[in-house]
Amino acid sequence: MFRIAWIVLAVAVGGFGLSAGSTETMMSVSMGCAKIGETGAAYRCDDRAVDVLGWWNLLGVAALLVVPCLAPAVVAARRVAWSAVAILVALAVFGLTRVTETSHLDSLMVGFPVALVGAGLATLQGRREKKAARSAQWPGG
C-alpha cells in the first residue's frame, strides 16, 4: 500500500512540475521581469520559460523532486522514507535560496508540501513496521 502511495506522490509531483513549468513565462522565472518588466537580455518577459531556458532545466528540476519519492517505493523501509522526506525538505530550502536566479530552481519549493505528505506516509509506514515486528516476535498476538 505504501509503495503505491509513494508512486502516486511521485507521479503527481512530476506531472504538476512539468505541466506548471511548461506554461510559465519568463515573468514568473526571472527576477528582472518580475521587478521592472524587462531584463535587457535576449528574451522578452512574455516568452515561455522552456523556450528560453530549455526543457532539460525543467526536466532536471522535476527529476530532483520525483527521485526521492520513488526511493521509498522501491525500498519499502521506514529509514528510506524518512530520508526521502529529509531530501525533499533540503531541496525545498535550496529552491527557496534560488528564487532570484533565472531558472526553474525555485520550483523546488514544491518539496515542502510533498515532504509533509511524505512525512505522513513515513509515520504510517513506521507504525505498520512496528506492528509487524511485534506480531512476528509474539506468535499468536
N, C-alpha and C. Protein backbone atom coordinates (compact mmCIF):
# COMPACT_ATOMS: atom_id res chain seq x y z
N MET A 1 0.82 -1.19 0.00
CA MET A 1 0.00 0.00 0.00
C MET A 1 0.87 1.26 0.00
N PHE A 2 1.94 1.28 0.80
CA PHE A 2 2.80 2.46 0.88
C PHE A 2 3.60 2.65 -0.40
N ARG A 3 3.97 1.56 -1.03
CA ARG A 3 4.68 1.69 -2.30
C ARG A 3 3.82 2.40 -3.33
N ILE A 4 2.56 2.02 -3.40
CA ILE A 4 1.64 2.65 -4.35
C ILE A 4 1.46 4.13 -4.01
N ALA A 5 1.35 4.44 -2.73
CA ALA A 5 1.18 5.84 -2.31
C ALA A 5 2.39 6.68 -2.70
N TRP A 6 3.60 6.15 -2.52
CA TRP A 6 4.81 6.88 -2.91
C TRP A 6 4.88 7.05 -4.43
N ILE A 7 4.46 6.04 -5.17
CA ILE A 7 4.46 6.14 -6.63
C ILE A 7 3.45 7.20 -7.08
N VAL A 8 2.28 7.21 -6.48
CA VAL A 8 1.26 8.21 -6.81
C VAL A 8 1.79 9.61 -6.49
N LEU A 9 2.49 9.75 -5.36
CA LEU A 9 3.07 11.04 -5.00
C LEU A 9 4.12 11.47 -6.02
N ALA A 10 4.95 10.53 -6.46
CA ALA A 10 5.98 10.83 -7.45
C ALA A 10 5.35 11.27 -8.77
N VAL A 11 4.34 10.56 -9.21
CA VAL A 11 3.67 10.90 -10.47
C VAL A 11 2.99 12.27 -10.34
N ALA A 12 2.37 12.52 -9.20
CA ALA A 12 1.68 13.79 -9.00
C ALA A 12 2.65 14.96 -9.01
N VAL A 13 3.76 14.83 -8.28
CA VAL A 13 4.72 15.94 -8.22
C VAL A 13 5.42 16.11 -9.57
N GLY A 14 5.71 15.03 -10.26
CA GLY A 14 6.33 15.13 -11.57
C GLY A 14 5.39 15.75 -12.59
N GLY A 15 4.16 15.30 -12.60
CA GLY A 15 3.18 15.85 -13.53
C GLY A 15 2.89 17.31 -13.27
N PHE A 16 2.74 17.66 -11.99
CA PHE A 16 2.50 19.05 -11.64
C PHE A 16 3.68 19.93 -12.04
N GLY A 17 4.89 19.46 -11.73
CA GLY A 17 6.07 20.25 -12.05
C GLY A 17 6.24 20.47 -13.54
N LEU A 18 6.05 19.42 -14.31
CA LEU A 18 6.21 19.55 -15.76
C LEU A 18 5.10 20.39 -16.39
N SER A 19 3.87 20.20 -15.95
CA SER A 19 2.78 20.98 -16.55
C SER A 19 2.86 22.45 -16.15
N ALA A 20 3.15 22.72 -14.89
CA ALA A 20 3.26 24.12 -14.45
C ALA A 20 4.48 24.78 -15.07
N GLY A 21 5.60 24.07 -15.08
CA GLY A 21 6.82 24.64 -15.63
C GLY A 21 6.77 24.87 -17.12
N SER A 22 6.03 24.05 -17.83
CA SER A 22 5.98 24.21 -19.29
C SER A 22 5.11 25.40 -19.70
N THR A 23 4.27 25.87 -18.82
CA THR A 23 3.42 27.02 -19.16
C THR A 23 3.90 28.33 -18.55
N GLU A 24 4.94 28.28 -17.71
CA GLU A 24 5.45 29.51 -17.10
C GLU A 24 6.07 30.42 -18.14
N THR A 25 5.93 31.71 -17.92
CA THR A 25 6.62 32.69 -18.76
C THR A 25 7.86 33.17 -18.02
N MET A 26 8.71 33.88 -18.71
CA MET A 26 9.90 34.41 -18.07
C MET A 26 9.55 35.42 -16.97
N MET A 27 8.36 35.97 -17.03
CA MET A 27 7.90 36.89 -15.98
C MET A 27 7.90 36.20 -14.62
N SER A 28 7.54 34.91 -14.58
CA SER A 28 7.49 34.20 -13.31
C SER A 28 8.81 33.54 -12.95
N VAL A 29 9.77 33.52 -13.85
CA VAL A 29 11.05 32.86 -13.61
C VAL A 29 12.18 33.86 -13.39
N SER A 30 12.10 35.00 -14.03
CA SER A 30 13.18 35.98 -13.99
C SER A 30 12.85 37.11 -13.02
N MET A 31 13.77 37.39 -12.12
CA MET A 31 13.55 38.47 -11.16
C MET A 31 13.53 39.83 -11.87
N GLY A 32 14.32 39.99 -12.94
CA GLY A 32 14.30 41.24 -13.70
C GLY A 32 12.94 41.52 -14.30
N CYS A 33 12.31 40.49 -14.82
CA CYS A 33 10.97 40.66 -15.38
C CYS A 33 9.96 40.95 -14.27
N ALA A 34 10.08 40.27 -13.17
CA ALA A 34 9.11 40.42 -12.09
C ALA A 34 9.19 41.81 -11.45
N LYS A 35 10.40 42.37 -11.37
CA LYS A 35 10.55 43.66 -10.69
C LYS A 35 10.29 44.85 -11.61
N ILE A 36 10.92 44.86 -12.78
CA ILE A 36 10.82 46.04 -13.62
C ILE A 36 10.20 45.78 -14.99
N GLY A 37 9.92 44.51 -15.28
CA GLY A 37 9.26 44.18 -16.53
C GLY A 37 10.19 44.06 -17.72
N GLU A 38 11.47 44.18 -17.50
CA GLU A 38 12.43 43.99 -18.59
C GLU A 38 13.75 43.50 -18.01
N THR A 39 14.54 42.88 -18.85
CA THR A 39 15.80 42.33 -18.37
C THR A 39 17.01 42.83 -19.13
N GLY A 40 16.83 43.33 -20.32
CA GLY A 40 17.96 43.71 -21.15
C GLY A 40 18.61 42.50 -21.80
N ALA A 41 18.02 41.33 -21.62
CA ALA A 41 18.56 40.10 -22.19
C ALA A 41 17.93 39.85 -23.56
N ALA A 42 18.29 38.73 -24.14
CA ALA A 42 17.83 38.40 -25.49
C ALA A 42 16.39 37.89 -25.51
N TYR A 43 15.74 37.79 -24.40
CA TYR A 43 14.37 37.29 -24.36
C TYR A 43 13.43 38.39 -23.86
N ARG A 44 12.16 38.17 -24.13
CA ARG A 44 11.13 39.08 -23.62
C ARG A 44 10.47 38.42 -22.43
N CYS A 45 9.86 39.20 -21.59
CA CYS A 45 9.25 38.69 -20.36
C CYS A 45 8.04 37.81 -20.62
N ASP A 46 7.39 37.93 -21.77
CA ASP A 46 6.24 37.08 -22.06
C ASP A 46 6.61 35.82 -22.84
N ASP A 47 7.91 35.59 -23.07
CA ASP A 47 8.36 34.34 -23.68
C ASP A 47 8.18 33.18 -22.71
N ARG A 48 7.88 31.99 -23.26
CA ARG A 48 7.78 30.80 -22.39
C ARG A 48 9.15 30.47 -21.83
N ALA A 49 9.19 30.10 -20.56
CA ALA A 49 10.46 29.81 -19.89
C ALA A 49 11.18 28.63 -20.52
N VAL A 50 10.44 27.60 -20.94
CA VAL A 50 11.10 26.44 -21.54
C VAL A 50 11.70 26.77 -22.90
N ASP A 51 11.17 27.77 -23.58
CA ASP A 51 11.75 28.19 -24.85
C ASP A 51 13.07 28.93 -24.63
N VAL A 52 13.18 29.63 -23.52
CA VAL A 52 14.39 30.39 -23.22
C VAL A 52 15.42 29.53 -22.49
N LEU A 53 14.98 28.83 -21.44
CA LEU A 53 15.90 28.05 -20.60
C LEU A 53 16.13 26.63 -21.11
N GLY A 54 15.22 26.12 -21.90
CA GLY A 54 15.34 24.76 -22.41
C GLY A 54 14.57 23.76 -21.55
N TRP A 55 14.24 22.65 -22.17
CA TRP A 55 13.49 21.59 -21.48
C TRP A 55 14.34 20.86 -20.46
N TRP A 56 15.66 20.77 -20.67
CA TRP A 56 16.50 20.00 -19.76
C TRP A 56 16.51 20.60 -18.36
N ASN A 57 16.45 21.92 -18.28
CA ASN A 57 16.40 22.58 -16.99
C ASN A 57 15.15 22.15 -16.23
N LEU A 58 14.02 22.16 -16.90
CA LEU A 58 12.75 21.78 -16.28
C LEU A 58 12.73 20.29 -15.94
N LEU A 59 13.20 19.45 -16.85
CA LEU A 59 13.23 18.01 -16.58
C LEU A 59 14.14 17.68 -15.40
N GLY A 60 15.25 18.37 -15.30
CA GLY A 60 16.17 18.15 -14.18
C GLY A 60 15.53 18.49 -12.84
N VAL A 61 14.83 19.61 -12.79
CA VAL A 61 14.15 20.01 -11.55
C VAL A 61 13.05 19.00 -11.21
N ALA A 62 12.29 18.57 -12.20
CA ALA A 62 11.24 17.58 -11.94
C ALA A 62 11.84 16.27 -11.45
N ALA A 63 12.95 15.86 -12.04
CA ALA A 63 13.61 14.62 -11.60
C ALA A 63 14.11 14.73 -10.17
N LEU A 64 14.60 15.91 -9.79
CA LEU A 64 15.07 16.11 -8.41
C LEU A 64 13.94 15.91 -7.41
N LEU A 65 12.72 16.20 -7.80
CA LEU A 65 11.58 16.00 -6.90
C LEU A 65 11.00 14.60 -6.98
N VAL A 66 11.09 13.97 -8.14
CA VAL A 66 10.48 12.65 -8.33
C VAL A 66 11.33 11.54 -7.72
N VAL A 67 12.63 11.60 -7.90
CA VAL A 67 13.51 10.50 -7.46
C VAL A 67 13.40 10.23 -5.95
N PRO A 68 13.42 11.26 -5.09
CA PRO A 68 13.25 10.95 -3.66
C PRO A 68 11.91 10.28 -3.33
N CYS A 69 10.89 10.55 -4.12
CA CYS A 69 9.59 9.91 -3.89
C CYS A 69 9.58 8.46 -4.36
N LEU A 70 10.39 8.16 -5.35
CA LEU A 70 10.44 6.78 -5.85
C LEU A 70 11.29 5.86 -4.98
N ALA A 71 12.25 6.41 -4.26
CA ALA A 71 13.13 5.57 -3.43
C ALA A 71 12.34 4.75 -2.40
N PRO A 72 11.42 5.36 -1.63
CA PRO A 72 10.64 4.54 -0.68
C PRO A 72 9.69 3.57 -1.37
N ALA A 73 9.36 3.83 -2.62
CA ALA A 73 8.51 2.89 -3.36
C ALA A 73 9.30 1.66 -3.74
N VAL A 74 10.59 1.84 -4.02
CA VAL A 74 11.44 0.71 -4.38
C VAL A 74 11.89 -0.05 -3.15
N VAL A 75 12.37 0.68 -2.14
CA VAL A 75 12.84 0.08 -0.89
C VAL A 75 11.86 0.49 0.20
N ALA A 76 10.92 -0.36 0.49
CA ALA A 76 9.85 -0.05 1.43
C ALA A 76 10.34 -0.18 2.87
N ALA A 77 11.18 0.77 3.27
CA ALA A 77 11.69 0.79 4.64
C ALA A 77 11.46 2.19 5.22
N ARG A 78 11.19 2.23 6.49
CA ARG A 78 10.92 3.49 7.17
C ARG A 78 12.11 4.44 7.06
N ARG A 79 13.30 3.91 7.19
CA ARG A 79 14.51 4.72 7.11
C ARG A 79 14.62 5.41 5.75
N VAL A 80 14.31 4.70 4.70
CA VAL A 80 14.36 5.26 3.35
C VAL A 80 13.28 6.33 3.18
N ALA A 81 12.11 6.09 3.74
CA ALA A 81 11.02 7.06 3.64
C ALA A 81 11.39 8.36 4.35
N TRP A 82 11.96 8.27 5.54
CA TRP A 82 12.36 9.47 6.26
C TRP A 82 13.53 10.16 5.58
N SER A 83 14.39 9.40 4.96
CA SER A 83 15.49 10.00 4.18
C SER A 83 14.94 10.79 3.00
N ALA A 84 13.93 10.25 2.35
CA ALA A 84 13.29 10.94 1.23
C ALA A 84 12.66 12.26 1.70
N VAL A 85 12.03 12.22 2.86
CA VAL A 85 11.42 13.44 3.41
C VAL A 85 12.52 14.48 3.67
N ALA A 86 13.62 14.05 4.26
CA ALA A 86 14.72 14.98 4.54
C ALA A 86 15.29 15.57 3.26
N ILE A 87 15.43 14.75 2.23
CA ILE A 87 15.94 15.24 0.95
C ILE A 87 14.98 16.24 0.33
N LEU A 88 13.68 15.96 0.41
CA LEU A 88 12.69 16.89 -0.14
C LEU A 88 12.71 18.23 0.59
N VAL A 89 12.89 18.21 1.91
CA VAL A 89 12.98 19.46 2.66
C VAL A 89 14.24 20.23 2.25
N ALA A 90 15.36 19.50 2.12
CA ALA A 90 16.61 20.14 1.70
C ALA A 90 16.48 20.76 0.30
N LEU A 91 15.82 20.05 -0.61
CA LEU A 91 15.61 20.58 -1.95
C LEU A 91 14.72 21.83 -1.92
N ALA A 92 13.71 21.81 -1.07
CA ALA A 92 12.82 22.97 -0.95
C ALA A 92 13.57 24.19 -0.41
N VAL A 93 14.41 23.97 0.57
CA VAL A 93 15.22 25.08 1.11
C VAL A 93 16.18 25.59 0.03
N PHE A 94 16.80 24.68 -0.71
CA PHE A 94 17.68 25.08 -1.81
C PHE A 94 16.91 25.90 -2.84
N GLY A 95 15.71 25.46 -3.18
CA GLY A 95 14.87 26.21 -4.13
C GLY A 95 14.52 27.59 -3.61
N LEU A 96 14.29 27.69 -2.32
CA LEU A 96 13.98 28.97 -1.70
C LEU A 96 15.16 29.93 -1.81
N THR A 97 16.37 29.41 -1.72
CA THR A 97 17.54 30.26 -1.84
C THR A 97 17.84 30.66 -3.28
N ARG A 98 17.19 30.03 -4.24
CA ARG A 98 17.45 30.31 -5.65
C ARG A 98 16.30 31.09 -6.31
N VAL A 99 15.48 31.75 -5.53
CA VAL A 99 14.34 32.48 -6.07
C VAL A 99 14.79 33.61 -6.99
N THR A 100 15.92 34.22 -6.71
CA THR A 100 16.36 35.36 -7.50
C THR A 100 17.07 34.97 -8.79
N GLU A 101 17.35 33.71 -9.00
CA GLU A 101 18.03 33.26 -10.21
C GLU A 101 17.05 33.07 -11.35
N THR A 102 17.53 33.20 -12.55
CA THR A 102 16.70 32.97 -13.73
C THR A 102 16.80 31.49 -14.10
N SER A 103 15.99 30.68 -13.43
CA SER A 103 15.96 29.24 -13.69
C SER A 103 14.68 28.68 -13.09
N HIS A 104 14.50 27.40 -13.29
CA HIS A 104 13.34 26.71 -12.71
C HIS A 104 13.63 26.22 -11.29
N LEU A 105 14.79 26.53 -10.73
CA LEU A 105 15.16 26.00 -9.42
C LEU A 105 14.22 26.44 -8.31
N ASP A 106 13.58 27.58 -8.46
CA ASP A 106 12.64 27.99 -7.43
C ASP A 106 11.43 27.05 -7.36
N SER A 107 11.21 26.27 -8.40
CA SER A 107 10.13 25.28 -8.39
C SER A 107 10.39 24.16 -7.38
N LEU A 108 11.62 24.05 -6.91
CA LEU A 108 11.92 23.03 -5.90
C LEU A 108 11.20 23.30 -4.59
N MET A 109 10.67 24.50 -4.42
CA MET A 109 9.92 24.80 -3.19
C MET A 109 8.67 23.94 -3.07
N VAL A 110 8.26 23.33 -4.15
CA VAL A 110 7.14 22.38 -4.10
C VAL A 110 7.49 21.21 -3.17
N GLY A 111 8.78 21.05 -2.91
CA GLY A 111 9.22 19.99 -2.00
C GLY A 111 8.66 20.11 -0.59
N PHE A 112 8.31 21.33 -0.14
CA PHE A 112 7.75 21.49 1.20
C PHE A 112 6.43 20.73 1.38
N PRO A 113 5.41 20.98 0.56
CA PRO A 113 4.17 20.22 0.75
C PRO A 113 4.34 18.73 0.44
N VAL A 114 5.21 18.41 -0.51
CA VAL A 114 5.45 16.99 -0.82
C VAL A 114 6.10 16.32 0.39
N ALA A 115 7.00 17.03 1.05
CA ALA A 115 7.65 16.48 2.25
C ALA A 115 6.63 16.27 3.37
N LEU A 116 5.66 17.15 3.49
CA LEU A 116 4.62 16.96 4.51
C LEU A 116 3.80 15.70 4.25
N VAL A 117 3.43 15.50 2.99
CA VAL A 117 2.70 14.27 2.64
C VAL A 117 3.60 13.05 2.88
N GLY A 118 4.87 13.18 2.49
CA GLY A 118 5.81 12.09 2.70
C GLY A 118 6.02 11.78 4.17
N ALA A 119 6.03 12.81 5.01
CA ALA A 119 6.18 12.58 6.46
C ALA A 119 4.98 11.81 7.00
N GLY A 120 3.80 12.12 6.49
CA GLY A 120 2.62 11.37 6.90
C GLY A 120 2.72 9.91 6.49
N LEU A 121 3.17 9.69 5.26
CA LEU A 121 3.34 8.31 4.78
C LEU A 121 4.41 7.57 5.59
N ALA A 122 5.52 8.25 5.87
CA ALA A 122 6.60 7.62 6.63
C ALA A 122 6.16 7.28 8.05
N THR A 123 5.35 8.15 8.65
CA THR A 123 4.85 7.89 10.00
C THR A 123 3.93 6.67 10.01
N LEU A 124 3.01 6.63 9.07
CA LEU A 124 2.11 5.48 8.98
C LEU A 124 2.87 4.20 8.65
N GLN A 125 3.85 4.32 7.78
CA GLN A 125 4.66 3.17 7.40
C GLN A 125 5.44 2.65 8.61
N GLY A 126 5.95 3.55 9.43
CA GLY A 126 6.68 3.16 10.64
C GLY A 126 5.81 2.43 11.62
N ARG A 127 4.58 2.88 11.79
CA ARG A 127 3.65 2.20 12.70
C ARG A 127 3.34 0.79 12.22
N ARG A 128 3.19 0.65 10.91
CA ARG A 128 2.88 -0.67 10.36
C ARG A 128 4.07 -1.62 10.55
N GLU A 129 5.31 -1.10 10.34
CA GLU A 129 6.50 -1.93 10.52
C GLU A 129 6.64 -2.38 11.98
N LYS A 130 6.37 -1.47 12.92
CA LYS A 130 6.46 -1.83 14.33
C LYS A 130 5.42 -2.89 14.69
N LYS A 131 4.22 -2.74 14.17
CA LYS A 131 3.16 -3.72 14.44
C LYS A 131 3.53 -5.08 13.87
N ALA A 132 4.09 -5.10 12.67
CA ALA A 132 4.51 -6.37 12.05
C ALA A 132 5.64 -7.00 12.85
N ALA A 133 6.55 -6.19 13.35
CA ALA A 133 7.67 -6.72 14.15
C ALA A 133 7.16 -7.30 15.46
N ARG A 134 6.20 -6.64 16.10
CA ARG A 134 5.63 -7.16 17.36
C ARG A 134 4.91 -8.48 17.14
N SER A 135 4.13 -8.58 16.07
CA SER A 135 3.38 -9.82 15.84
C SER A 135 4.31 -10.95 15.43
N ALA A 136 5.44 -10.64 14.82
CA ALA A 136 6.42 -11.68 14.49
C ALA A 136 7.15 -12.14 15.75
N GLN A 137 7.32 -11.23 16.70
CA GLN A 137 8.04 -11.56 17.92
C GLN A 137 7.17 -12.42 18.84
N TRP A 138 5.90 -12.12 18.91
CA TRP A 138 4.98 -12.84 19.79
C TRP A 138 3.95 -13.59 18.95
N PRO A 139 4.20 -14.84 18.68
CA PRO A 139 3.25 -15.62 17.87
C PRO A 139 1.87 -15.66 18.54
N GLY A 140 0.88 -15.49 17.73
CA GLY A 140 -0.50 -15.55 18.22
C GLY A 140 -0.95 -14.25 18.82
N GLY A 141 -0.14 -13.17 18.78
CA GLY A 141 -0.53 -11.92 19.45
C GLY A 141 -0.55 -10.84 18.52
